Amino acid sequence: MAHNHHNKLIKDKMPMMISCDEATYLISKNQHRNLGFIKWIQLKVHLLMCVYCRRYEKQIRYINKVIHKLKLSPDNEISNYQLNSKQKENLQNEINKAS
């Protein structure tokens, strides 16, 4: 509910501003391919104003970093990979810091 209210406040103050839904889509898309210049600027402006989307972007970056490390693991067996208790604790701490 607070997120929707926040999104409406942003759109009311800046009609050219993208919505949080569009921002999260662009954040995800930007992880895999470059955005066009206009979309990139719109996303950056939105991120300057929106704490929720900044948090989402930080979480997505962290998840992608972990996945990349798993892909580079020597056995390259992601599907059979099990986190040990220390790794689980570290992951939970990083998620909590990102929230």
C-alpha atoms as a PDB file:
ATOM      1  CA  MET A   1       0.000   0.000   0.000  1.00  0.00           C
ATOM      2  CA  ALA A   2       2.751   2.470   0.912  1.00  0.00           C
ATOM      3  CA  HIS A   3       4.573   1.624  -2.299  1.00  0.00           C
ATOM      4  CA  ASN A   4       1.496   2.428  -4.438  1.00  0.00           C
ATOM      5  CA  HIS A   5       0.991   5.702  -2.588  1.00  0.00           C
ATOM      6  CA  HIS A   6       4.680   6.530  -3.092  1.00  0.00           C
ATOM      7  CA  ASN A   7       4.383   5.737  -6.815  1.00  0.00           C
ATOM      8  CA  LYS A   8       1.344   8.051  -7.168  1.00  0.00           C
ATOM      9  CA  LEU A   9       3.147  10.890  -5.375  1.00  0.00           C
ATOM     10  CA  ILE A  10       6.083  10.634  -7.761  1.00  0.00           C
ATOM     11  CA  LYS A  11       3.838  10.539 -10.853  1.00  0.00           C
ATOM     12  CA  ASP A  12       1.815  13.534  -9.583  1.00  0.00           C
ATOM     13  CA  LYS A  13       4.915  15.658  -9.037  1.00  0.00           C
ATOM     14  CA  MET A  14       6.680  14.661 -12.261  1.00  0.00           C
ATOM     15  CA  PRO A  15       4.334  13.508 -15.035  1.00  0.00           C
ATOM     16  CA  MET A  16       7.257  12.400 -17.247  1.00  0.00           C
ATOM     17  CA  MET A  17       8.503  10.137 -14.463  1.00  0.00           C
ATOM     18  CA  ILE A  18       8.285   6.395 -15.051  1.00  0.00           C
ATOM     19  CA  SER A  19       6.308   4.226 -12.644  1.00  0.00           C
ATOM     20  CA  CYS A  20       7.882   1.833 -10.174  1.00  0.00           C
ATOM     21  CA  ASP A  21       6.585  -1.057 -12.274  1.00  0.00           C
ATOM     22  CA  GLU A  22       8.394   0.272 -15.319  1.00  0.00           C
ATOM     23  CA  ALA A  23      11.495   1.057 -13.258  1.00  0.00           C
ATOM     24  CA  THR A  24      11.733  -2.503 -11.906  1.00  0.00           C
ATOM     25  CA  TYR A  25      11.281  -3.845 -15.439  1.00  0.00           C
ATOM     26  CA  LEU A  26      14.092  -1.577 -16.697  1.00  0.00           C
ATOM     27  CA  ILE A  27      16.327  -2.537 -13.756  1.00  0.00           C
ATOM     28  CA  SER A  28      15.931  -6.204 -14.660  1.00  0.00           C
ATOM     29  CA  LYS A  29      16.354  -5.536 -18.383  1.00  0.00           C
ATOM     30  CA  ASN A  30      19.467  -3.430 -17.737  1.00  0.00           C
ATOM     31  CA  GLN A  31      21.159  -6.443 -16.114  1.00  0.00           C
ATOM     32  CA  HIS A  32      21.205  -8.252 -19.468  1.00  0.00           C
ATOM     33  CA  ARG A  33      21.298  -5.557 -22.153  1.00  0.00           C
ATOM     34  CA  ASN A  34      21.866  -1.840 -22.458  1.00  0.00           C
ATOM     35  CA  LEU A  35      18.869   0.435 -22.238  1.00  0.00           C
ATOM     36  CA  GLY A  36      18.405   3.226 -24.729  1.00  0.00           C
ATOM     37  CA  PHE A  37      19.640   6.633 -23.583  1.00  0.00           C
ATOM     38  CA  ILE A  38      16.165   8.046 -22.788  1.00  0.00           C
ATOM     39  CA  LYS A  39      15.089   4.964 -20.793  1.00  0.00           C
ATOM     40  CA  TRP A  40      18.425   4.952 -18.964  1.00  0.00           C
ATOM     41  CA  ILE A  41      17.974   8.633 -17.970  1.00  0.00           C
ATOM     42  CA  GLN A  42      14.361   8.014 -16.905  1.00  0.00           C
ATOM     43  CA  LEU A  43      15.493   5.092 -14.772  1.00  0.00           C
ATOM     44  CA  LYS A  44      18.319   7.083 -13.155  1.00  0.00           C
ATOM     45  CA  VAL A  45      15.969   9.974 -12.330  1.00  0.00           C
ATOM     46  CA  HIS A  46      13.437   7.553 -10.879  1.00  0.00           C
ATOM     47  CA  LEU A  47      16.132   5.866  -8.774  1.00  0.00           C
ATOM     48  CA  LEU A  48      17.203   9.229  -7.379  1.00  0.00           C
ATOM     49  CA  MET A  49      13.700   9.702  -5.995  1.00  0.00           C
ATOM     50  CA  CYS A  50      12.525   6.190  -5.139  1.00  0.00           C
ATOM     51  CA  VAL A  51      13.983   4.326  -2.177  1.00  0.00           C
ATOM     52  CA  TYR A  52      11.982   1.192  -3.030  1.00  0.00           C
ATOM     53  CA  CYS A  53      13.400   0.853  -6.522  1.00  0.00           C
ATOM     54  CA  ARG A  54      16.933   1.633  -5.317  1.00  0.00           C
ATOM     55  CA  ARG A  55      16.553  -1.226  -2.825  1.00  0.00           C
ATOM     56  CA  TYR A  56      15.260  -3.515  -5.579  1.00  0.00           C
ATOM     57  CA  GLU A  57      18.190  -2.598  -7.831  1.00  0.00           C
ATOM     58  CA  LYS A  58      20.666  -3.345  -5.041  1.00  0.00           C
ATOM     59  CA  GLN A  59      19.038  -6.724  -4.374  1.00  0.00           C
ATOM     60  CA  ILE A  60      19.043  -7.653  -8.080  1.00  0.00           C
ATOM     61  CA  ARG A  61      22.727  -6.744  -8.378  1.00  0.00           C
ATOM     62  CA  TYR A  62      23.566  -8.909  -5.369  1.00  0.00           C
ATOM     63  CA  ILE A  63      21.569 -11.885  -6.679  1.00  0.00           C
ATOM     64  CA  ASN A  64      23.281 -11.615 -10.077  1.00  0.00           C
ATOM     65  CA  LYS A  65      26.676 -11.426  -8.385  1.00  0.00           C
ATOM     66  CA  VAL A  66      25.953 -14.626  -6.442  1.00  0.00           C
ATOM     67  CA  ILE A  67      24.711 -16.404  -9.574  1.00  0.00           C
ATOM     68  CA  HIS A  68      27.822 -15.317 -11.470  1.00  0.00           C
ATOM     69  CA  LYS A  69      30.059 -16.696  -8.704  1.00  0.00           C
ATOM     70  CA  LEU A  70      28.150 -19.986  -8.786  1.00  0.00           C
ATOM     71  CA  LYS A  71      28.580 -20.207 -12.552  1.00  0.00           C
ATOM     72  CA  LEU A  72      32.333 -19.812 -12.088  1.00  0.00           C
ATOM     73  CA  SER A  73      32.531 -22.479  -9.381  1.00  0.00           C
ATOM     74  CA  PRO A  74      35.031 -25.255 -10.200  1.00  0.00           C
ATOM     75  CA  ASP A  75      32.471 -28.055 -10.372  1.00  0.00           C
ATOM     76  CA  ASN A  76      29.982 -25.882 -12.307  1.00  0.00           C
ATOM     77  CA  GLU A  77      27.119 -27.893 -10.803  1.00  0.00           C
ATOM     78  CA  ILE A  78      24.679 -25.126  -9.927  1.00  0.00           C
ATOM     79  CA  SER A  79      21.677 -27.430  -9.775  1.00  0.00           C
ATOM     80  CA  ASN A  80      23.320 -29.581  -7.085  1.00  0.00           C
ATOM     81  CA  TYR A  81      24.865 -26.691  -5.207  1.00  0.00           C
ATOM     82  CA  GLN A  82      24.027 -26.526  -1.502  1.00  0.00           C
ATOM     83  CA  LEU A  83      24.853 -23.541   0.666  1.00  0.00           C
ATOM     84  CA  ASN A  84      26.534 -24.340   3.940  1.00  0.00           C
ATOM     85  CA  SER A  85      25.266 -22.680   7.122  1.00  0.00           C
ATOM     86  CA  LYS A  86      27.885 -19.885   6.991  1.00  0.00           C
ATOM     87  CA  GLN A  87      26.989 -19.069   3.371  1.00  0.00           C
ATOM     88  CA  LYS A  88      23.288 -19.020   4.274  1.00  0.00           C
ATOM     89  CA  GLU A  89      24.018 -16.670   7.163  1.00  0.00           C
ATOM     90  CA  ASN A  90      26.106 -14.368   4.941  1.00  0.00           C
ATOM     91  CA  LEU A  91      23.405 -14.358   2.273  1.00  0.00           C
ATOM     92  CA  GLN A  92      20.721 -13.493   4.822  1.00  0.00           C
ATOM     93  CA  ASN A  93      22.903 -10.689   6.233  1.00  0.00           C
ATOM     94  CA  GLU A  94      23.418  -9.234   2.746  1.00  0.00           C
ATOM     95  CA  ILE A  95      19.705  -9.398   2.012  1.00  0.00           C
ATOM     96  CA  ASN A  96      18.942  -7.663   5.322  1.00  0.00           C
ATOM     97  CA  LYS A  97      21.489  -4.920   4.564  1.00  0.00           C
ATOM     98  CA  ALA A  98      19.944  -4.397   1.128  1.00  0.00           C
ATOM     99  CA  SER A  99      16.435  -4.072   2.576  1.00  0.00           C
END
